[in-house]
Amino acid sequence: INDRHAFLPRKYADAYLGAWALVTGGEAKDVMLDTLGAMKVNGYPGPNTECFLKARLAYNNINIERFPSVAYLTCTQREKSRWTQCSGTATNDAPGWLYKDEMEHATRIAKCVRSSWTQKKMDDCKEDISRLYRGFR
């Protein structure tokens, strides 16, 4: 789960957007402990905004579903170096991409879901993307 994008019914907006109210009301830690447990909250590496979002949604019994990735990391530096592997167009009028697999995956998914966003369409467009995120759990 990440906190960059959300598609939700209006009735869940307060739970999704209500982080600041929980923090200022002194309830944030209790919500996280109740939903995630002490090991996730107090352990290494500790809580972050995405864990807090997951906790708020779970606390309010809001089901989470994944929307396939339709974005990729872009870049503009064309010179190759040890640190920079920007690929893509040869001109500077359009950004390139940093990870070719990620760009190709996002492009396929974007084309697939373009016509509709139904659950069947989401299931039809799913791909195994674990190879794109080696080392992440």
Protein backbone atom coordinates (compact mmCIF):
# COMPACT_ATOMS: atom_id res chain seq x y z
CA ILE A 1 0.00 0.00 0.00
CA ASN A 2 1.20 3.49 -0.71
CA ASP A 3 -0.32 6.88 -0.10
CA ARG A 4 0.24 8.43 -3.53
CA HIS A 5 -3.11 7.64 -5.15
CA ALA A 6 -6.53 6.52 -4.01
CA PHE A 7 -9.85 5.73 -5.60
CA LEU A 8 -12.54 5.51 -2.95
CA PRO A 9 -16.17 6.25 -2.19
CA ARG A 10 -16.76 9.62 -0.54
CA LYS A 11 -17.94 7.92 2.67
CA TYR A 12 -14.34 6.75 3.27
CA ALA A 13 -12.71 10.14 2.68
CA ASP A 14 -12.47 11.03 6.38
CA ALA A 15 -10.66 7.77 7.17
CA TYR A 16 -8.28 8.22 4.23
CA LEU A 17 -7.63 11.93 4.73
CA GLY A 18 -8.02 12.08 8.51
CA ALA A 19 -4.43 11.42 9.56
CA TRP A 20 -3.83 14.87 10.99
CA ALA A 21 -6.96 14.71 13.17
CA LEU A 22 -5.76 11.42 14.69
CA VAL A 23 -2.29 12.83 15.30
CA THR A 24 -3.48 16.07 16.90
CA GLY A 25 -6.17 14.22 18.85
CA GLY A 26 -3.60 11.88 20.37
CA GLU A 27 -5.19 8.77 18.85
CA ALA A 28 -2.66 7.89 16.12
CA LYS A 29 -0.50 5.56 18.23
CA ASP A 30 -3.54 3.70 19.61
CA VAL A 31 -4.97 3.19 16.10
CA MET A 32 -1.65 1.82 14.88
CA LEU A 33 -1.15 -0.44 17.91
CA ASP A 34 -4.71 -1.79 17.69
CA THR A 35 -4.47 -2.62 13.98
CA LEU A 36 -0.80 -3.36 13.30
CA GLY A 37 0.47 -4.62 16.64
CA ALA A 38 3.38 -3.55 18.82
CA MET A 39 6.09 -5.21 16.72
CA LYS A 40 5.16 -3.24 13.58
CA VAL A 41 4.75 0.03 15.47
CA ASN A 42 7.65 -0.14 17.93
CA GLY A 43 10.05 -2.41 16.00
CA TYR A 44 12.59 -1.62 13.32
CA PRO A 45 12.26 0.31 11.04
CA GLY A 46 9.20 1.70 12.77
CA PRO A 47 6.02 3.27 11.43
CA ASN A 48 5.78 5.38 8.31
CA THR A 49 3.01 7.22 6.51
CA GLU A 50 2.02 4.15 4.52
CA CYS A 51 1.75 1.97 7.65
CA PHE A 52 -0.33 4.71 9.23
CA LEU A 53 -2.63 4.76 6.20
CA LYS A 54 -3.00 0.97 6.34
CA ALA A 55 -3.79 1.20 10.05
CA ARG A 56 -6.43 3.92 9.56
CA LEU A 57 -8.16 1.96 6.82
CA ALA A 58 -8.09 -1.29 8.81
CA TYR A 59 -9.32 0.52 11.93
CA ASN A 60 -12.32 1.74 9.92
CA ASN A 61 -12.90 -1.70 8.29
CA ILE A 62 -12.16 -0.41 4.80
CA ASN A 63 -11.16 -3.08 2.30
CA ILE A 64 -7.98 -2.39 0.30
CA GLU A 65 -7.53 -3.51 -3.29
CA ARG A 66 -4.55 -2.96 -5.55
CA PHE A 67 -4.75 -0.80 -8.64
CA PRO A 68 -2.09 -1.90 -11.12
CA SER A 69 0.82 0.47 -11.60
CA VAL A 70 0.42 2.78 -14.59
CA ALA A 71 3.40 5.02 -13.81
CA TYR A 72 7.17 4.69 -14.02
CA LEU A 73 10.19 6.67 -12.91
CA THR A 74 11.25 9.17 -15.56
CA CYS A 75 14.56 10.96 -15.98
CA THR A 76 16.10 13.59 -18.22
CA GLN A 77 19.88 13.23 -17.91
CA ARG A 78 21.04 11.58 -21.14
CA GLU A 79 24.71 11.03 -20.29
CA LYS A 80 25.39 7.51 -19.04
CA SER A 81 27.48 7.11 -15.92
CA ARG A 82 27.91 4.68 -13.04
CA TRP A 83 25.05 6.37 -11.25
CA THR A 84 22.75 7.35 -14.11
CA GLN A 85 21.18 4.92 -16.55
CA CYS A 86 18.57 7.16 -18.16
CA SER A 87 17.21 5.61 -21.35
CA GLY A 88 14.55 6.56 -23.85
CA THR A 89 14.21 9.25 -26.44
CA ALA A 90 17.35 10.74 -27.93
CA THR A 91 16.08 14.30 -27.68
CA ASN A 92 15.55 16.42 -24.61
CA ASP A 93 11.94 17.26 -25.47
CA ALA A 94 10.57 14.17 -23.69
CA PRO A 95 11.68 12.37 -20.54
CA GLY A 96 13.26 8.96 -20.69
CA TRP A 97 12.89 6.15 -18.20
CA LEU A 98 15.15 4.89 -15.47
CA TYR A 99 14.03 1.24 -15.43
CA LYS A 100 13.00 -0.28 -18.76
CA ASP A 101 11.05 -3.20 -17.25
CA GLU A 102 9.08 -0.83 -15.04
CA MET A 103 8.29 1.43 -18.01
CA GLU A 104 7.19 -1.49 -20.20
CA HIS A 105 5.00 -2.93 -17.43
CA ALA A 106 3.33 0.42 -16.68
CA THR A 107 2.73 1.04 -20.40
CA ARG A 108 1.07 -2.39 -20.85
CA ILE A 109 -1.14 -1.91 -17.79
CA ALA A 110 -2.13 1.63 -18.80
CA LYS A 111 -3.21 0.40 -22.24
CA CYS A 112 -5.09 -2.51 -20.71
CA VAL A 113 -7.11 -0.50 -18.16
CA ARG A 114 -7.70 2.47 -20.44
CA SER A 115 -11.16 1.31 -21.55
CA SER A 116 -12.64 0.53 -18.09
CA TRP A 117 -11.82 0.12 -14.41
CA THR A 118 -14.08 -2.78 -13.48
CA GLN A 119 -12.92 -5.56 -11.15
CA LYS A 120 -12.93 -7.97 -14.11
CA LYS A 121 -10.73 -5.58 -16.08
CA MET A 122 -8.33 -5.24 -13.13
CA ASP A 123 -8.10 -9.05 -12.89
CA ASP A 124 -7.54 -9.35 -16.65
CA CYS A 125 -4.72 -6.78 -16.54
CA LYS A 126 -2.83 -8.21 -13.56
CA GLU A 127 0.75 -9.32 -14.09
CA ASP A 128 3.36 -10.80 -11.80
CA ILE A 129 5.62 -7.82 -11.11
CA SER A 130 7.72 -9.32 -8.33
CA ARG A 131 10.74 -9.43 -10.68
CA LEU A 132 10.63 -5.63 -10.90
CA TYR A 133 11.14 -5.25 -7.17
CA ARG A 134 13.85 -7.73 -6.24
CA GLY A 135 14.98 -7.27 -2.68
CA PHE A 136 11.72 -5.61 -1.56
CA ARG A 137 9.23 -7.48 0.62
